[in-house]
């Protein structure tokens, strides 16, 4: 018999992630906290978006905070997108 430790990330009463990797659970939880902070900021600035759109947008921004940081520093979006594509290709090569 094996004992398996599972980490459950719950957000607003909803189970969002179940994993055996504590670090992954902590990272996901932090990402959700950042998304919540972004949602609060966006709403406080008077931008009216639907709940689903706000959640999707803030999670996207939170998951891609390094890319967003580059964009905020003035890096061209096309350059960033090309870098992302190159990284995906490189990861695929490593997996093969």
N, C-alpha and C. Protein backbone atom coordinates (compact mmCIF):
# COMPACT_ATOMS: atom_id res chain seq x y z
N UNK A 1 0.85 -1.18 0.00
CA UNK A 1 0.00 0.00 0.00
C UNK A 1 0.89 1.23 0.00
N UNK A 2 0.53 2.20 -0.80
CA UNK A 2 1.31 3.44 -0.90
C UNK A 2 0.53 4.60 -0.29
N UNK A 3 1.27 5.51 0.26
CA UNK A 3 0.68 6.74 0.77
C UNK A 3 1.07 7.84 -0.21
N UNK A 4 0.08 8.52 -0.70
CA UNK A 4 0.32 9.60 -1.66
C UNK A 4 -0.18 10.90 -1.05
N UNK A 5 0.71 11.87 -0.99
CA UNK A 5 0.34 13.19 -0.51
C UNK A 5 -0.12 14.01 -1.70
N UNK A 6 -1.29 14.61 -1.58
CA UNK A 6 -1.82 15.44 -2.64
C UNK A 6 -2.05 16.85 -2.10
N UNK A 7 -1.69 17.80 -2.92
CA UNK A 7 -1.91 19.20 -2.58
C UNK A 7 -3.07 19.70 -3.43
N UNK A 8 -4.04 20.31 -2.77
CA UNK A 8 -5.22 20.81 -3.45
C UNK A 8 -5.22 22.33 -3.33
N UNK A 9 -5.26 22.99 -4.49
CA UNK A 9 -5.36 24.44 -4.50
C UNK A 9 -6.83 24.78 -4.71
N UNK A 10 -7.37 25.46 -3.73
CA UNK A 10 -8.77 25.85 -3.76
C UNK A 10 -8.84 27.36 -3.85
N UNK A 11 -9.75 27.85 -4.68
CA UNK A 11 -9.88 29.29 -4.87
C UNK A 11 -11.36 29.64 -4.91
N UNK A 12 -11.75 30.51 -4.01
CA UNK A 12 -13.16 30.92 -3.90
C UNK A 12 -14.09 29.71 -3.78
N UNK A 13 -13.66 28.74 -2.99
CA UNK A 13 -14.48 27.56 -2.73
C UNK A 13 -14.49 26.54 -3.85
N UNK A 14 -13.66 26.74 -4.88
CA UNK A 14 -13.63 25.83 -6.01
C UNK A 14 -12.25 25.20 -6.13
N UNK A 15 -12.22 23.90 -6.31
CA UNK A 15 -10.96 23.17 -6.48
C UNK A 15 -10.38 23.51 -7.84
N UNK A 16 -9.17 24.08 -7.84
CA UNK A 16 -8.55 24.52 -9.09
C UNK A 16 -7.42 23.60 -9.55
N UNK A 17 -6.72 22.98 -8.60
CA UNK A 17 -5.57 22.15 -8.96
C UNK A 17 -5.36 21.09 -7.89
N UNK A 18 -5.08 19.87 -8.34
CA UNK A 18 -4.68 18.80 -7.44
C UNK A 18 -3.37 18.26 -7.98
N UNK A 19 -2.35 18.21 -7.13
CA UNK A 19 -1.04 17.76 -7.57
C UNK A 19 -0.30 17.11 -6.41
N UNK A 20 0.71 16.34 -6.74
CA UNK A 20 1.57 15.77 -5.70
C UNK A 20 2.82 16.62 -5.51
N UNK A 21 2.95 17.68 -6.29
CA UNK A 21 4.11 18.56 -6.26
C UNK A 21 3.81 19.81 -5.45
N UNK A 22 4.40 19.90 -4.26
CA UNK A 22 4.14 21.04 -3.38
C UNK A 22 4.54 22.36 -4.03
N UNK A 23 5.70 22.37 -4.70
CA UNK A 23 6.18 23.59 -5.33
C UNK A 23 5.20 24.06 -6.41
N UNK A 24 4.68 23.14 -7.21
CA UNK A 24 3.71 23.49 -8.25
C UNK A 24 2.43 24.04 -7.63
N UNK A 25 2.00 23.45 -6.53
CA UNK A 25 0.80 23.93 -5.84
C UNK A 25 1.01 25.34 -5.29
N UNK A 26 2.17 25.58 -4.69
CA UNK A 26 2.48 26.91 -4.17
C UNK A 26 2.53 27.95 -5.28
N UNK A 27 3.16 27.59 -6.41
CA UNK A 27 3.25 28.51 -7.54
C UNK A 27 1.87 28.83 -8.11
N UNK A 28 1.04 27.82 -8.22
CA UNK A 28 -0.31 28.03 -8.75
C UNK A 28 -1.13 28.90 -7.81
N UNK A 29 -1.00 28.65 -6.52
CA UNK A 29 -1.71 29.45 -5.52
C UNK A 29 -1.27 30.91 -5.60
N UNK A 30 0.02 31.13 -5.73
CA UNK A 30 0.54 32.50 -5.84
C UNK A 30 0.02 33.17 -7.11
N UNK A 31 0.00 32.42 -8.22
CA UNK A 31 -0.51 32.96 -9.47
C UNK A 31 -1.97 33.40 -9.32
N UNK A 32 -2.77 32.60 -8.62
CA UNK A 32 -4.16 32.97 -8.39
C UNK A 32 -4.28 34.20 -7.50
N UNK A 33 -3.40 34.33 -6.51
CA UNK A 33 -3.38 35.53 -5.67
C UNK A 33 -3.05 36.78 -6.48
N UNK A 34 -2.07 36.66 -7.37
CA UNK A 34 -1.71 37.79 -8.24
C UNK A 34 -2.89 38.14 -9.14
N UNK A 35 -3.55 37.14 -9.70
CA UNK A 35 -4.72 37.37 -10.55
C UNK A 35 -5.82 38.10 -9.78
N UNK A 36 -6.03 37.72 -8.54
CA UNK A 36 -7.03 38.40 -7.70
C UNK A 36 -6.65 39.87 -7.50
N UNK A 37 -5.37 40.11 -7.23
CA UNK A 37 -4.90 41.49 -7.04
C UNK A 37 -5.09 42.32 -8.31
N UNK A 38 -4.79 41.72 -9.45
CA UNK A 38 -5.00 42.41 -10.72
C UNK A 38 -6.48 42.72 -10.95
N UNK A 39 -7.34 41.76 -10.64
CA UNK A 39 -8.78 41.97 -10.80
C UNK A 39 -9.27 43.12 -9.92
N UNK A 40 -8.79 43.15 -8.69
CA UNK A 40 -9.17 44.24 -7.78
C UNK A 40 -8.73 45.58 -8.33
N UNK A 41 -7.51 45.63 -8.84
CA UNK A 41 -6.97 46.87 -9.39
C UNK A 41 -7.76 47.33 -10.62
N UNK A 42 -8.03 46.40 -11.53
CA UNK A 42 -8.79 46.72 -12.75
C UNK A 42 -10.17 47.25 -12.39
N UNK A 43 -10.84 46.58 -11.47
CA UNK A 43 -12.18 47.00 -11.06
C UNK A 43 -12.14 48.36 -10.36
N UNK A 44 -11.11 48.60 -9.55
CA UNK A 44 -10.99 49.87 -8.83
C UNK A 44 -10.76 51.04 -9.79
N UNK A 45 -10.20 50.75 -10.95
CA UNK A 45 -9.97 51.80 -11.96
C UNK A 45 -11.20 52.04 -12.82
N UNK A 46 -12.28 51.34 -12.52
CA UNK A 46 -13.56 51.58 -13.19
C UNK A 46 -13.75 50.83 -14.49
N UNK A 47 -12.90 49.87 -14.77
CA UNK A 47 -13.06 49.08 -15.99
C UNK A 47 -14.07 47.97 -15.70
N UNK A 48 -15.13 47.96 -16.48
CA UNK A 48 -16.21 46.99 -16.28
C UNK A 48 -16.05 45.84 -17.26
N UNK A 49 -15.71 44.69 -16.74
CA UNK A 49 -15.62 43.47 -17.54
C UNK A 49 -16.48 42.42 -16.85
N UNK A 50 -16.95 41.48 -17.61
CA UNK A 50 -17.68 40.38 -17.01
C UNK A 50 -16.76 39.57 -16.10
N UNK A 51 -17.33 38.87 -15.15
CA UNK A 51 -16.54 38.08 -14.20
C UNK A 51 -15.65 37.08 -14.92
N UNK A 52 -16.19 36.38 -15.91
CA UNK A 52 -15.41 35.38 -16.64
C UNK A 52 -14.26 36.01 -17.42
N UNK A 53 -14.53 37.15 -18.05
CA UNK A 53 -13.50 37.84 -18.81
C UNK A 53 -12.40 38.36 -17.87
N UNK A 54 -12.80 38.92 -16.76
CA UNK A 54 -11.83 39.41 -15.78
C UNK A 54 -10.96 38.28 -15.28
N UNK A 55 -11.57 37.15 -14.95
CA UNK A 55 -10.80 36.02 -14.46
C UNK A 55 -9.82 35.51 -15.52
N UNK A 56 -10.31 35.35 -16.74
CA UNK A 56 -9.45 34.85 -17.82
C UNK A 56 -8.29 35.82 -18.10
N UNK A 57 -8.60 37.11 -18.14
CA UNK A 57 -7.58 38.12 -18.41
C UNK A 57 -6.54 38.17 -17.31
N UNK A 58 -6.97 38.20 -16.06
CA UNK A 58 -6.01 38.33 -14.96
C UNK A 58 -5.17 37.07 -14.79
N UNK A 59 -5.73 35.91 -15.06
CA UNK A 59 -4.95 34.68 -14.99
C UNK A 59 -3.92 34.66 -16.12
N UNK A 60 -4.32 35.09 -17.31
CA UNK A 60 -3.38 35.18 -18.43
C UNK A 60 -2.22 36.11 -18.07
N UNK A 61 -2.53 37.28 -17.54
CA UNK A 61 -1.49 38.24 -17.17
C UNK A 61 -0.60 37.68 -16.07
N UNK A 62 -1.20 37.04 -15.09
CA UNK A 62 -0.44 36.49 -13.98
C UNK A 62 0.48 35.36 -14.42
N UNK A 63 -0.04 34.46 -15.26
CA UNK A 63 0.78 33.34 -15.74
C UNK A 63 1.94 33.82 -16.60
N UNK A 64 1.77 34.97 -17.23
CA UNK A 64 2.77 35.49 -18.15
C UNK A 64 3.41 36.77 -17.63
N UNK A 65 3.60 36.85 -16.32
CA UNK A 65 4.09 38.09 -15.72
C UNK A 65 5.46 38.52 -16.26
N UNK A 66 6.33 37.56 -16.60
CA UNK A 66 7.64 37.93 -17.13
C UNK A 66 7.50 38.58 -18.50
N UNK A 67 6.63 38.03 -19.32
CA UNK A 67 6.38 38.59 -20.65
C UNK A 67 5.73 39.97 -20.53
N UNK A 68 4.74 40.08 -19.64
CA UNK A 68 4.06 41.35 -19.44
C UNK A 68 5.05 42.41 -18.97
N UNK A 69 5.97 42.00 -18.12
CA UNK A 69 7.00 42.93 -17.63
C UNK A 69 7.84 43.46 -18.80
N UNK A 70 8.21 42.57 -19.73
CA UNK A 70 8.97 43.00 -20.91
C UNK A 70 8.16 43.99 -21.74
N UNK A 71 6.88 43.69 -21.91
CA UNK A 71 6.02 44.58 -22.69
C UNK A 71 5.89 45.95 -22.03
N UNK A 72 5.76 45.96 -20.71
CA UNK A 72 5.65 47.22 -19.99
C UNK A 72 6.94 48.04 -20.04
N UNK A 73 8.05 47.36 -20.27
CA UNK A 73 9.33 48.05 -20.40
C UNK A 73 9.57 48.55 -21.82
N UNK A 74 8.64 48.23 -22.73
CA UNK A 74 8.72 48.76 -24.08
C UNK A 74 9.16 47.79 -25.15
N UNK A 75 9.36 46.52 -24.80
CA UNK A 75 9.72 45.53 -25.81
C UNK A 75 8.55 45.34 -26.76
N UNK A 76 8.84 45.27 -28.04
CA UNK A 76 7.82 45.09 -29.07
C UNK A 76 7.11 43.75 -28.88
N UNK A 77 5.79 43.77 -28.99
CA UNK A 77 4.99 42.55 -28.78
C UNK A 77 5.37 41.45 -29.77
N UNK A 78 5.65 41.82 -31.02
CA UNK A 78 6.02 40.80 -32.01
C UNK A 78 7.33 40.13 -31.64
N UNK A 79 8.26 40.89 -31.08
CA UNK A 79 9.53 40.33 -30.64
C UNK A 79 9.30 39.32 -29.51
N UNK A 80 8.46 39.70 -28.57
CA UNK A 80 8.15 38.81 -27.45
C UNK A 80 7.48 37.53 -27.95
N UNK A 81 6.54 37.67 -28.87
CA UNK A 81 5.84 36.51 -29.40
C UNK A 81 6.79 35.58 -30.15
N UNK A 82 7.70 36.14 -30.89
CA UNK A 82 8.70 35.33 -31.60
C UNK A 82 9.60 34.59 -30.62
N UNK A 83 9.98 35.27 -29.53
CA UNK A 83 10.81 34.62 -28.50
C UNK A 83 10.06 33.46 -27.87
N UNK A 84 8.77 33.64 -27.61
CA UNK A 84 7.96 32.57 -27.04
C UNK A 84 7.91 31.37 -27.99
N UNK A 85 7.69 31.64 -29.28
CA UNK A 85 7.65 30.56 -30.27
C UNK A 85 8.96 29.79 -30.29
N UNK A 86 10.07 30.53 -30.26
CA UNK A 86 11.39 29.89 -30.28
C UNK A 86 11.59 29.02 -29.04
N UNK A 87 11.11 29.49 -27.89
CA UNK A 87 11.23 28.71 -26.65
C UNK A 87 10.42 27.42 -26.74
N UNK A 88 9.23 27.48 -27.32
CA UNK A 88 8.38 26.29 -27.46
C UNK A 88 9.06 25.28 -28.39
N UNK A 89 9.61 25.76 -29.49
CA UNK A 89 10.30 24.89 -30.43
C UNK A 89 11.48 24.22 -29.74
N UNK A 90 12.24 25.00 -28.97
CA UNK A 90 13.39 24.46 -28.25
C UNK A 90 12.97 23.40 -27.23
N UNK A 91 11.88 23.63 -26.52
CA UNK A 91 11.39 22.64 -25.55
C UNK A 91 10.94 21.37 -26.26
N UNK A 92 10.28 21.53 -27.40
CA UNK A 92 9.86 20.35 -28.16
C UNK A 92 11.06 19.54 -28.62
N UNK A 93 12.13 20.20 -29.03
CA UNK A 93 13.34 19.50 -29.45
C UNK A 93 13.95 18.72 -28.30
N UNK A 94 13.93 19.31 -27.12
CA UNK A 94 14.50 18.63 -25.95
C UNK A 94 13.70 17.40 -25.57
N UNK A 95 12.37 17.46 -25.75
CA UNK A 95 11.51 16.33 -25.41
C UNK A 95 11.69 15.17 -26.38
N UNK A 96 12.03 15.50 -27.62
CA UNK A 96 12.15 14.46 -28.65
C UNK A 96 13.42 13.64 -28.51
